[in-house]
Protein backbone atom coordinates (compact mmCIF):
# COMPACT_ATOMS: atom_id res chain seq x y z
CA MET A 1 119.86 -46.72 -189.06
CA LYS A 2 122.32 -49.13 -187.55
CA LEU A 3 122.25 -49.56 -183.76
CA LEU A 4 124.96 -50.46 -181.27
CA SER A 5 126.28 -53.87 -181.72
CA SER A 6 124.84 -56.29 -178.87
CA ASN A 7 128.18 -57.30 -177.21
CA PRO A 8 128.29 -56.42 -173.64
CA TRP A 9 130.24 -53.41 -172.48
CA ARG A 10 133.18 -54.04 -170.21
CA VAL A 11 132.62 -52.94 -166.67
CA TYR A 12 134.72 -49.86 -165.33
CA GLY A 13 136.73 -50.83 -162.10
CA ILE A 14 136.53 -48.36 -159.20
CA SER A 15 140.06 -47.56 -159.85
CA ARG A 16 139.05 -45.96 -163.18
CA VAL A 17 136.08 -44.29 -161.66
CA LEU A 18 138.18 -42.83 -158.75
CA GLY A 19 141.44 -42.69 -160.28
CA VAL A 20 140.42 -39.64 -162.52
CA PHE A 21 139.71 -37.63 -159.39
CA PHE A 22 143.46 -37.41 -158.59
CA TYR A 23 144.94 -36.50 -161.93
CA SER A 24 143.77 -34.32 -164.82
CA THR A 25 145.17 -33.25 -168.14
CA ARG A 26 144.81 -30.11 -169.92
CA THR A 27 144.80 -29.20 -173.62
CA LEU A 28 144.78 -31.06 -176.94
CA ALA A 29 148.05 -32.00 -178.73
CA ARG A 30 148.75 -31.16 -182.24
CA PRO A 31 146.28 -32.79 -184.80
CA SER A 32 147.28 -35.90 -186.70
CA PRO A 33 146.51 -36.45 -190.28
CA PRO A 34 142.75 -35.96 -190.78
CA ILE A 35 141.05 -39.40 -190.71
CA ASP A 36 137.09 -39.50 -191.08
CA SER A 37 136.12 -41.47 -188.01
CA LEU A 38 133.56 -40.78 -185.47
CA TYR A 39 136.16 -40.10 -182.81
CA SER A 40 137.57 -37.41 -185.10
CA ARG A 41 134.27 -35.96 -185.65
CA VAL A 42 133.50 -35.76 -181.98
CA SER A 43 137.07 -34.41 -181.36
CA ARG A 44 136.46 -31.47 -183.86
CA ALA A 45 133.04 -30.49 -182.04
CA GLY A 46 134.78 -28.90 -179.30
CA ASP A 47 132.23 -26.04 -178.75
CA PRO A 48 130.25 -27.21 -175.56
CA LYS A 49 127.14 -25.75 -177.14
CA VAL A 50 127.27 -28.18 -180.00
CA SER A 51 125.29 -31.59 -179.46
CA ILE A 52 127.39 -34.54 -179.66
CA ILE A 53 124.43 -36.36 -180.52
CA ARG A 54 123.94 -34.63 -183.96
CA VAL A 55 127.43 -35.97 -184.90
CA ILE A 56 126.59 -39.44 -183.93
CA ASP A 57 123.08 -39.40 -185.50
CA GLN A 58 124.69 -37.94 -188.84
CA TRP A 59 127.25 -40.83 -188.70
CA LEU A 60 124.56 -43.52 -188.34
CA GLU A 61 122.51 -41.84 -191.24
CA GLU A 62 125.26 -42.40 -193.50
CA GLY A 63 125.03 -46.03 -192.77
CA ARG A 64 127.92 -46.56 -190.53
CA GLN A 65 127.95 -48.43 -187.15
CA VAL A 66 128.73 -47.16 -183.61
CA GLN A 67 130.67 -49.68 -182.02
CA GLN A 68 130.99 -50.06 -178.33
CA SER A 69 134.72 -49.41 -178.35
CA ASP A 70 133.92 -45.96 -180.17
CA ILE A 71 131.57 -45.19 -177.35
CA LEU A 72 134.00 -45.93 -174.50
CA MET A 73 136.85 -44.15 -176.33
CA MET A 74 134.59 -40.98 -176.89
CA ILE A 75 133.53 -40.81 -173.22
CA LYS A 76 136.88 -41.28 -171.94
CA GLN A 77 138.47 -38.62 -174.22
CA LEU A 78 135.63 -36.09 -173.51
CA ARG A 79 136.23 -36.65 -169.75
CA LYS A 80 139.87 -36.25 -170.23
CA PHE A 81 139.51 -33.02 -171.78
CA ARG A 82 136.65 -31.81 -169.27
CA ARG A 83 134.03 -31.79 -172.01
CA TYR A 84 131.80 -33.12 -169.29
CA SER A 85 128.46 -32.13 -170.82
CA GLN A 86 129.16 -33.67 -174.18
CA ALA A 87 130.29 -36.98 -172.47
CA LEU A 88 127.04 -36.91 -170.47
CA GLN A 89 125.06 -36.49 -173.75
CA ILE A 90 126.52 -39.77 -174.88
CA PHE A 91 125.57 -41.55 -171.70
CA GLU A 92 121.93 -40.13 -171.91
CA TRP A 93 121.85 -41.20 -175.75
CA VAL A 94 123.11 -44.78 -174.82
CA SER A 95 120.82 -45.50 -171.92
CA ASP A 96 117.62 -43.41 -172.71
CA GLN A 97 117.35 -43.73 -176.48
CA ARG A 98 119.31 -46.92 -177.14
CA HIS A 99 117.96 -48.62 -174.04
CA HIS A 100 121.26 -50.03 -173.03
CA ASP A 101 121.59 -51.04 -169.46
CA LEU A 102 124.51 -49.48 -167.89
CA SER A 103 126.95 -51.37 -165.72
CA PRO A 104 127.58 -50.27 -162.00
CA GLY A 105 130.89 -48.67 -163.35
CA GLU A 106 129.06 -46.83 -166.00
CA ILE A 107 126.42 -45.72 -163.52
CA ALA A 108 129.23 -44.32 -161.36
CA ILE A 109 130.67 -42.30 -164.29
CA ARG A 110 127.28 -40.96 -165.19
CA LEU A 111 126.58 -39.97 -161.61
CA ASP A 112 129.86 -38.06 -161.52
CA LEU A 113 129.17 -36.29 -164.88
CA ILE A 114 125.69 -35.18 -163.73
CA SER A 115 127.36 -33.70 -160.70
CA LYS A 116 129.74 -31.71 -162.79
CA VAL A 117 127.22 -30.69 -165.34
CA HIS A 118 124.08 -30.22 -163.39
CA GLY A 119 125.15 -29.90 -159.87
CA LEU A 120 124.92 -32.00 -156.77
CA GLU A 121 121.14 -31.85 -156.23
CA GLU A 122 120.62 -33.40 -159.71
CA ALA A 123 123.25 -35.98 -159.00
CA GLU A 124 121.38 -37.09 -155.92
CA LYS A 125 118.14 -37.33 -157.70
CA TYR A 126 119.89 -39.74 -160.11
CA PHE A 127 121.45 -41.60 -157.26
CA ASP A 128 117.77 -42.11 -155.72
CA SER A 129 116.72 -43.41 -158.91
CA ILE A 130 119.25 -46.19 -159.03
CA PRO A 131 117.96 -49.61 -157.92
CA ASN A 132 119.22 -50.96 -154.79
CA THR A 133 120.76 -53.97 -156.43
CA LEU A 134 123.14 -51.66 -158.52
CA ARG A 135 124.13 -49.34 -155.52
CA VAL A 136 127.49 -51.30 -155.18
CA TYR A 137 130.82 -49.99 -154.10
CA GLN A 138 131.72 -47.96 -157.24
CA VAL A 139 128.33 -46.12 -157.18
CA TYR A 140 128.69 -45.19 -153.45
CA GLY A 141 132.38 -44.29 -154.23
CA ALA A 142 131.09 -41.95 -157.06
CA LEU A 143 128.53 -40.27 -154.68
CA LEU A 144 131.06 -39.75 -152.07
CA ASN A 145 133.34 -38.16 -154.49
CA CYS A 146 130.70 -35.89 -155.73
CA TYR A 147 130.06 -34.60 -152.03
CA ALA A 148 133.96 -34.29 -151.56
CA GLU A 149 134.28 -32.22 -154.79
CA ASN A 150 131.51 -29.85 -153.59
CA LYS A 151 133.01 -29.75 -150.03
CA SER A 152 129.68 -31.05 -148.59
CA LEU A 153 131.43 -32.37 -145.58
CA ASP A 154 128.26 -33.75 -143.70
CA LYS A 155 126.83 -35.63 -146.61
CA ALA A 156 130.39 -37.08 -147.36
CA GLU A 157 130.76 -38.20 -143.81
CA ALA A 158 127.25 -39.86 -143.88
CA THR A 159 127.99 -41.50 -147.24
CA MET A 160 131.12 -42.62 -145.76
CA GLN A 161 129.31 -44.04 -142.74
CA LYS A 162 126.70 -45.92 -145.03
CA MET A 163 129.68 -47.56 -146.97
CA ARG A 164 131.03 -48.75 -143.64
CA GLU A 165 127.62 -50.27 -142.87
CA LEU A 166 127.56 -52.07 -146.14
CA GLY A 167 131.13 -53.28 -145.86
CA PHE A 168 132.30 -51.21 -148.71
CA LEU A 169 135.50 -49.71 -147.03
CA ASN A 170 138.19 -52.65 -147.77
CA THR A 171 140.53 -50.48 -149.90
CA SER A 172 142.23 -47.12 -149.60
CA LEU A 173 140.32 -45.57 -152.63
CA SER A 174 137.22 -44.08 -150.68
CA PHE A 175 139.58 -43.31 -147.61
CA ASN A 176 141.57 -41.24 -149.74
CA VAL A 177 138.67 -39.23 -151.05
CA MET A 178 137.84 -38.41 -147.49
CA LEU A 179 141.36 -37.66 -146.49
CA ASN A 180 141.67 -35.35 -149.48
CA LEU A 181 138.45 -33.61 -148.33
CA TYR A 182 139.64 -33.33 -144.77
CA SER A 183 143.02 -31.79 -145.92
CA ARG A 184 141.43 -29.34 -148.32
CA MET A 185 139.01 -28.13 -145.71
CA GLY A 186 141.78 -27.99 -142.77
CA LYS A 187 140.23 -30.85 -140.65
CA THR A 188 143.38 -32.05 -139.30
CA GLU A 189 142.05 -33.91 -136.35
CA LYS A 190 139.59 -35.85 -138.46
CA LEU A 191 142.30 -36.56 -141.10
CA HIS A 192 144.34 -38.27 -138.13
CA ILE A 193 141.36 -40.17 -136.98
CA LEU A 194 140.64 -41.53 -140.49
CA THR A 195 144.10 -42.57 -141.06
CA GLN A 196 144.17 -44.35 -137.79
CA GLU A 197 140.98 -46.27 -138.77
CA MET A 198 142.79 -47.32 -141.93
CA GLU A 199 145.66 -48.85 -139.91
CA GLU A 200 143.25 -50.44 -137.59
CA LYS A 201 141.37 -52.15 -140.49
CA GLY A 202 144.75 -53.24 -141.84
CA ILE A 203 144.40 -51.03 -145.05
CA ASP A 204 147.77 -50.11 -146.30
CA TRP A 205 148.71 -46.82 -147.34
CA ASP A 206 149.06 -46.24 -151.00
CA MET A 207 150.78 -43.27 -152.89
CA PHE A 208 147.61 -41.22 -152.92
CA THR A 209 147.48 -41.61 -149.02
CA PHE A 210 151.02 -40.55 -148.33
CA ASN A 211 150.64 -37.56 -150.81
CA ILE A 212 147.47 -36.43 -149.20
CA ARG A 213 149.33 -36.37 -145.91
CA LEU A 214 152.25 -34.60 -147.38
CA ASN A 215 149.83 -31.97 -148.86
CA ALA A 216 148.14 -31.47 -145.47
CA TYR A 217 151.60 -30.77 -143.71
CA VAL A 218 152.42 -28.35 -146.43
CA ALA A 219 148.95 -26.76 -145.77
CA MET A 220 149.83 -26.37 -142.09
CA SER A 221 153.33 -25.15 -142.97
CA ASP A 222 154.61 -28.10 -140.91
CA ILE A 223 157.93 -28.55 -142.63
CA LYS A 224 159.25 -30.94 -139.75
CA GLU A 225 156.34 -33.40 -140.13
CA MET A 226 156.45 -33.16 -143.96
CA GLU A 227 160.24 -34.09 -143.84
CA ARG A 228 159.49 -36.85 -141.30
CA LEU A 229 156.88 -38.40 -143.59
CA LEU A 230 158.84 -37.96 -146.83
CA THR A 231 161.97 -39.66 -144.99
CA LYS A 232 159.44 -42.69 -144.05
CA MET A 233 158.35 -42.91 -147.72
CA GLU A 234 161.97 -43.10 -148.92
CA ALA A 235 162.83 -45.70 -146.45
CA ASP A 236 159.60 -47.94 -146.95
CA PRO A 237 160.65 -50.77 -149.44
CA LEU A 238 156.86 -51.50 -150.29
CA ILE A 239 156.47 -47.88 -151.59
CA THR A 240 157.73 -46.64 -154.89
CA ILE A 241 157.75 -43.08 -154.27
CA ASP A 242 156.99 -40.97 -157.39
CA TRP A 243 157.78 -37.52 -158.73
CA ASN A 244 154.53 -35.85 -157.35
CA SER A 245 155.64 -36.57 -153.89
CA TYR A 246 158.78 -34.60 -154.38
CA VAL A 247 156.69 -31.93 -156.22
CA VAL A 248 154.57 -31.66 -152.85
CA ALA A 249 157.79 -31.24 -150.70
CA ALA A 250 159.13 -28.65 -153.23
CA ASN A 251 155.80 -26.75 -152.67
CA GLY A 252 156.34 -27.06 -148.86
CA TYR A 253 159.82 -25.51 -149.02
CA LEU A 254 158.63 -23.10 -151.66
CA LYS A 255 155.95 -21.92 -149.12
CA ALA A 256 158.61 -21.68 -146.30
CA GLY A 257 160.85 -19.54 -148.46
CA LEU A 258 163.58 -22.32 -148.68
CA HIS A 259 164.53 -22.11 -152.27
CA GLU A 260 167.63 -24.21 -152.13
CA LYS A 261 165.54 -26.98 -150.61
CA THR A 262 162.86 -26.55 -153.25
CA LEU A 263 165.50 -26.83 -155.93
CA GLU A 264 166.71 -30.01 -154.46
CA MET A 265 163.30 -31.51 -154.48
CA LEU A 266 162.64 -30.61 -158.22
CA LYS A 267 165.76 -32.30 -159.13
CA LYS A 268 164.91 -35.51 -157.36
CA ALA A 269 161.28 -35.34 -158.96
CA GLU A 270 162.91 -34.81 -162.35
CA GLN A 271 164.73 -38.14 -161.93
CA LEU A 272 161.51 -40.17 -161.48
CA VAL A 273 159.39 -38.69 -164.54
CA SER A 274 158.37 -41.39 -166.95
CA ASN A 275 157.53 -41.37 -170.66
CA LYS A 276 154.04 -41.52 -169.77
CA THR A 277 153.69 -38.76 -167.01
CA ARG A 278 156.49 -36.18 -168.40
CA LYS A 279 154.16 -33.92 -170.12
CA ILE A 280 152.25 -33.07 -167.08
CA ALA A 281 155.44 -33.18 -164.81
CA TYR A 282 157.49 -30.85 -166.89
CA GLU A 283 154.52 -28.22 -167.00
CA ILE A 284 154.42 -28.37 -163.24
CA PHE A 285 158.20 -28.08 -162.97
CA LEU A 286 157.84 -24.95 -165.18
CA THR A 287 155.63 -23.32 -162.72
CA GLN A 288 158.15 -24.31 -159.88
CA TYR A 289 161.22 -22.98 -161.37
CA THR A 290 159.31 -19.76 -162.06
CA ALA A 291 158.15 -19.49 -158.55
CA ILE A 292 161.77 -19.59 -157.36
CA GLN A 293 162.93 -17.21 -160.21
CA ASN A 294 165.30 -19.75 -161.67
CA LYS A 295 165.44 -19.22 -165.30
CA ASP A 296 168.22 -21.55 -165.96
CA GLY A 297 166.07 -24.38 -164.38
CA LEU A 298 163.16 -23.10 -166.42
CA TYR A 299 164.91 -23.22 -169.87
CA HIS A 300 166.33 -26.64 -168.72
CA ILE A 301 162.88 -28.28 -168.30
CA TRP A 302 161.64 -26.40 -171.59
CA ASN A 303 164.26 -28.06 -173.46
CA LEU A 304 163.33 -31.49 -171.98
CA TYR A 305 159.80 -30.60 -173.02
CA LYS A 306 160.70 -29.93 -176.46
CA ASN A 307 162.57 -33.26 -176.83
CA MET A 308 159.39 -35.11 -176.24
CA GLY A 309 158.79 -35.11 -179.89
CA ARG A 310 155.23 -33.65 -179.57
CA PHE A 311 154.44 -30.12 -178.62
CA TYR A 312 151.25 -29.05 -176.78
CA ASN A 313 149.45 -25.78 -176.35
CA SER A 314 149.47 -26.26 -172.52
CA GLY A 315 153.35 -26.25 -172.75
CA TYR A 316 153.57 -23.23 -174.76
CA LEU A 317 151.03 -21.39 -172.58
CA CYS A 318 152.94 -22.46 -169.39
CA MET A 319 156.51 -21.45 -170.70
CA ILE A 320 155.16 -17.88 -172.04
CA SER A 321 153.24 -17.41 -168.94
CA SER A 322 156.46 -18.27 -166.89
CA LEU A 323 158.64 -15.82 -168.68
CA LEU A 324 156.31 -12.95 -168.46
CA LYS A 325 156.14 -13.43 -164.65
CA LEU A 326 159.94 -13.37 -164.69
CA ASP A 327 159.31 -10.09 -166.76
CA ASP A 328 161.16 -11.45 -169.88
CA ILE A 329 158.88 -10.18 -172.71
CA ASP A 330 161.73 -10.88 -175.31
CA GLY A 331 161.99 -14.44 -174.26
CA ALA A 332 158.23 -14.89 -174.30
CA GLU A 333 158.12 -13.31 -177.93
CA LYS A 334 160.61 -16.07 -178.99
CA ILE A 335 158.63 -18.92 -177.55
CA LEU A 336 155.63 -17.38 -179.30
CA GLU A 337 157.41 -17.52 -182.55
CA GLU A 338 158.30 -21.19 -181.96
CA TRP A 339 154.57 -21.94 -181.24
CA GLU A 340 153.48 -20.10 -184.43
CA SER A 341 155.93 -22.05 -186.61
CA GLU A 342 154.64 -25.20 -185.17
CA ASN A 343 151.59 -27.03 -186.70
CA THR A 344 149.43 -26.67 -183.49
CA PHE A 345 145.78 -26.11 -182.85
CA PHE A 346 145.39 -22.39 -182.48
CA ASP A 347 144.73 -21.50 -178.63
CA SER A 348 143.41 -18.04 -178.25
CA ARG A 349 144.78 -18.10 -174.64
CA ILE A 350 148.51 -17.89 -175.80
CA PRO A 351 148.13 -14.48 -177.81
CA HIS A 352 145.95 -13.26 -175.05
CA LEU A 353 149.05 -13.65 -172.67
CA LEU A 354 151.08 -11.44 -174.80
CA ILE A 355 148.36 -8.77 -175.47
CA SER A 356 147.92 -8.49 -171.65
CA ALA A 357 151.81 -8.16 -171.03
CA TYR A 358 152.00 -5.54 -173.66
CA CYS A 359 149.09 -3.65 -172.10
CA LYS A 360 150.62 -3.86 -168.62
CA LYS A 361 154.01 -2.65 -169.83
CA GLY A 362 152.44 0.29 -171.91
CA LEU A 363 153.62 -1.38 -175.06
CA LEU A 364 150.18 -0.57 -176.75
CA GLU A 365 151.46 -0.29 -180.31
CA LYS A 366 152.87 -3.87 -180.05
CA ALA A 367 149.57 -5.04 -178.64
CA GLU A 368 147.68 -3.40 -181.60
CA ALA A 369 150.16 -4.68 -183.90
CA TYR A 370 149.65 -8.22 -182.67
CA MET A 371 145.99 -7.83 -182.97
CA ASN A 372 146.07 -6.75 -186.50
CA ARG A 373 148.32 -9.63 -187.43
CA LEU A 374 145.85 -12.04 -185.77
CA ILE A 375 143.01 -10.60 -187.95
CA GLU A 376 145.24 -10.70 -191.24
CA CYS A 377 145.83 -14.47 -190.50
CA GLY A 378 141.96 -14.99 -190.05
CA LYS A 379 142.34 -15.92 -186.19
CA GLU A 380 139.55 -15.19 -183.93
CA THR A 381 139.86 -11.87 -182.09
CA GLU A 382 137.23 -12.30 -179.59
CA SER A 383 135.98 -9.70 -176.95
CA THR A 384 138.53 -10.49 -174.01
CA LYS A 385 141.46 -9.36 -176.26
CA TRP A 386 139.73 -6.36 -177.46
CA GLY A 387 138.57 -5.53 -173.94
CA ARG A 388 142.20 -6.07 -172.66
CA LEU A 389 143.57 -3.56 -175.19
CA ALA A 390 140.76 -1.03 -174.50
CA THR A 391 141.78 -1.10 -170.72
CA GLY A 392 145.35 -0.72 -171.76
CA TYR A 393 144.81 2.37 -173.70
CA HIS A 394 142.57 3.74 -170.79
CA VAL A 395 145.18 2.95 -168.12
CA HIS A 396 147.90 4.71 -170.17
CA GLY A 397 145.79 7.64 -170.94
CA GLN A 398 144.66 7.05 -174.37
CA THR A 399 140.94 7.13 -173.81
CA GLU A 400 139.86 8.03 -177.35
CA LYS A 401 141.47 4.90 -178.53
CA ALA A 402 139.96 3.02 -175.57
CA VAL A 403 136.52 4.23 -176.80
CA GLU A 404 137.11 2.75 -180.39
CA THR A 405 138.52 -0.51 -178.96
CA MET A 406 135.74 -0.84 -176.66
CA LYS A 407 133.12 -0.79 -179.47
CA LYS A 408 135.19 -3.70 -180.94
CA ALA A 409 135.09 -5.68 -177.88
CA ILE A 410 131.34 -5.36 -177.53
CA LEU A 411 130.71 -6.17 -181.37
CA ALA A 412 133.02 -9.34 -180.91
CA SER A 413 131.20 -10.38 -177.53
CA GLN A 414 130.38 -13.86 -176.64
CA PRO A 415 127.45 -14.79 -174.43
CA GLY A 416 128.16 -14.21 -170.91
CA TRP A 417 130.99 -11.56 -171.61
CA MET A 418 130.80 -8.49 -169.69
CA PRO A 419 133.01 -5.20 -170.28
CA ASN A 420 135.35 -4.16 -167.89
CA ARG A 421 133.40 -1.69 -165.75
CA PHE A 422 136.34 0.71 -164.98
CA THR A 423 137.05 1.09 -168.57
CA LEU A 424 133.43 1.41 -169.78
CA ALA A 425 132.88 4.06 -167.08
CA ALA A 426 136.06 6.02 -168.11
CA CYS A 427 134.81 5.73 -171.92
CA LEU A 428 131.35 7.18 -171.09
CA GLU A 429 132.68 9.80 -168.90
CA TYR A 430 135.13 10.88 -171.68
CA LEU A 431 132.63 10.99 -174.34
CA LYS A 432 130.23 13.01 -172.12
CA GLY A 433 132.91 15.47 -171.13
CA ASN A 434 133.63 16.04 -174.86
CA GLY A 435 130.04 16.44 -175.53
CA GLU A 436 130.03 13.16 -177.72
CA VAL A 437 126.67 12.05 -176.57
CA GLU A 438 125.68 10.29 -179.74
CA VAL A 439 128.97 8.09 -179.64
CA ALA A 440 128.10 7.22 -175.91
CA GLU A 441 124.37 6.48 -176.99
CA GLU A 442 125.99 4.10 -179.67
CA ILE A 443 128.04 2.37 -177.07
CA LEU A 444 125.19 1.81 -174.89
CA ARG A 445 122.94 0.61 -177.80
CA LEU A 446 125.77 -1.89 -178.79
CA LEU A 447 125.86 -3.11 -175.12
CA ARG A 448 122.08 -3.72 -175.07
CA GLU A 449 122.09 -5.56 -178.50
CA HIS A 450 125.26 -7.59 -177.98
CA VAL A 451 125.95 -7.89 -174.27
CA HIS A 452 122.46 -8.11 -173.06
CA PHE A 453 123.03 -5.34 -170.54
CA SER A 454 120.12 -5.15 -167.93
CA THR A 455 117.44 -2.62 -168.61
CA GLY A 456 118.02 -0.90 -165.23
CA ILE A 457 121.74 -0.24 -165.75
CA TYR A 458 121.10 0.68 -169.28
CA GLU A 459 118.71 3.39 -168.42
CA ARG A 460 120.84 4.76 -165.50
CA LEU A 461 123.72 5.14 -167.91
CA LEU A 462 121.45 6.74 -170.70
CA ASN A 463 120.19 9.34 -168.03
CA TYR A 464 123.81 9.86 -166.85
CA ILE A 465 125.13 10.77 -170.15
CA HIS A 466 122.24 13.14 -170.92
CA SER A 467 122.43 14.69 -167.23
CA GLU A 468 124.11 17.98 -166.58
CA ASN A 469 125.20 16.96 -163.39
CA THR A 470 128.92 17.02 -163.18
CA ASP A 471 129.43 15.44 -159.82
CA SER A 472 127.80 12.02 -160.91
CA ARG A 473 130.13 9.48 -162.13
CA ALA A 474 129.37 6.65 -164.63
CA PHE A 475 130.90 4.05 -162.41
CA ASP A 476 128.42 4.97 -159.53
CA HIS A 477 125.59 4.17 -161.90
CA MET A 478 126.92 0.59 -162.55
CA LYS A 479 127.68 -0.39 -158.89
CA ALA A 480 123.89 -1.05 -158.18
CA ASP A 481 123.81 -3.76 -160.80
CA ALA A 482 125.23 -7.07 -159.57
CA ARG A 483 125.97 -8.36 -163.29
CA THR A 484 128.74 -5.90 -163.62
CA GLU A 485 130.61 -7.73 -160.73
CA GLY A 486 131.10 -10.58 -163.35
CA ASP A 487 132.73 -8.38 -166.04
CA ASP A 488 135.74 -8.94 -168.48
CA GLN A 489 138.57 -10.65 -166.85
CA ASP A 490 141.00 -7.96 -167.70
CA GLN A 491 140.56 -5.76 -164.54
CA GLU A 492 142.62 -2.69 -164.41
CA GLY A 493 144.52 -4.08 -161.36
CA GLU A 494 146.09 -6.69 -163.62
CA ILE A 495 147.28 -4.06 -166.16
CA GLN A 496 148.44 -1.62 -163.56
CA GLY A 497 150.18 -4.31 -161.64
CA GLY A 498 147.75 -4.54 -159.02
CA ASN A 499 147.06 -0.87 -158.53
CA GLY A 500 143.67 -0.47 -160.27
CA SER A 501 141.88 2.81 -160.04
CA GLN A 502 138.29 3.20 -160.02
CA ALA A 503 137.16 5.36 -162.80
């Protein structure tokens, strides 16, 4: 079995370590022609339950090498697409099994991944195990960000103070992490004190600093101060204002109900979008134009998006969602047809949007036909879609169909899924009222086998369907079980437009 080659890994700079905390991407693009590489195999192993190490070991068993460039690329891409658990597996494999000594930058990334995957306490344990000689700026910066992400204010401030004592606060990066935390937690006074400290230390504000301050003013609905800061940014020759700044300002105007001003900011933002950032920028613009109910602007951005030359599921998801929010089902269906005609990765969230919209509008025949079409095409029809359709039938008075669809939802269930408690209760009450006790028992049996319903709630519901007490309701027997509070996302309130009834 060939091991990693012996060339030293390059050290990640702190800008790489902390830069990811301000930007993120979403879904995978359309696939390129299949190439048998380690990276392509890792990319295909998208299920977080799949061990990436198995994929790497198989590659090695075939007599192939794993280069450092392969490892770096895999970790970078896994983090980019938020497959944090698998990225951490690779770090553990490299350092624990292959005995590679991690650089401070790599330690910082591993610390961040541990926090994301296993929680803050495990990240702290890992930090305590790091030798003092390796606890450099990158590592403390990563720890600070772990605390900030978890809104652990006291520990973040203590870490910031330790970094002061060690002389690690020479750039704006760690200040930005704390400023962002103060902004998110509404600590306006502390935010001002920290920016004052930056000025006293002679640390220049970068775009992150300015945008954090802009966001803070937006959060406080202080349009006057937001405009003052934006004007200062535009006038500063040392600042290259970016499209994101105008998006922040657009959010401020949107929050204040100033739609014309919002539109003005969006047009300014559009002029600053680069080829590198246009994907995420256009997707944000789509949501902004939707918020001000500007369909012309929405289609204008969509046409720009399509001209990028590559289509992404995230864009389709955003555009279809936007059209549905504007009550344009016909338009959403046309975009769906475009998506289906493209050679993209199948993304089950997109059909889920249409099925939900159909159910909300009472277009249940369309929802059922779409589900059948997905089945005919061999696409996955998981429990969330069946559950949504079952709720649609229940809300619109077709409880018999809701019962049959609920069975399908349970049979297709994945680990952690729970049925909509309102719909389930309505199905059981319907069956009890019609004397179909055996069918109700079958549903409960399926729940116990496929959904791991708790013994307590199972027994209470079983007693309920056999009880002659007509005053008792199935929903009352589920309320005592905390697990039903984490049920299927398709709550009745969504289907009814926010007026969900309790069965």
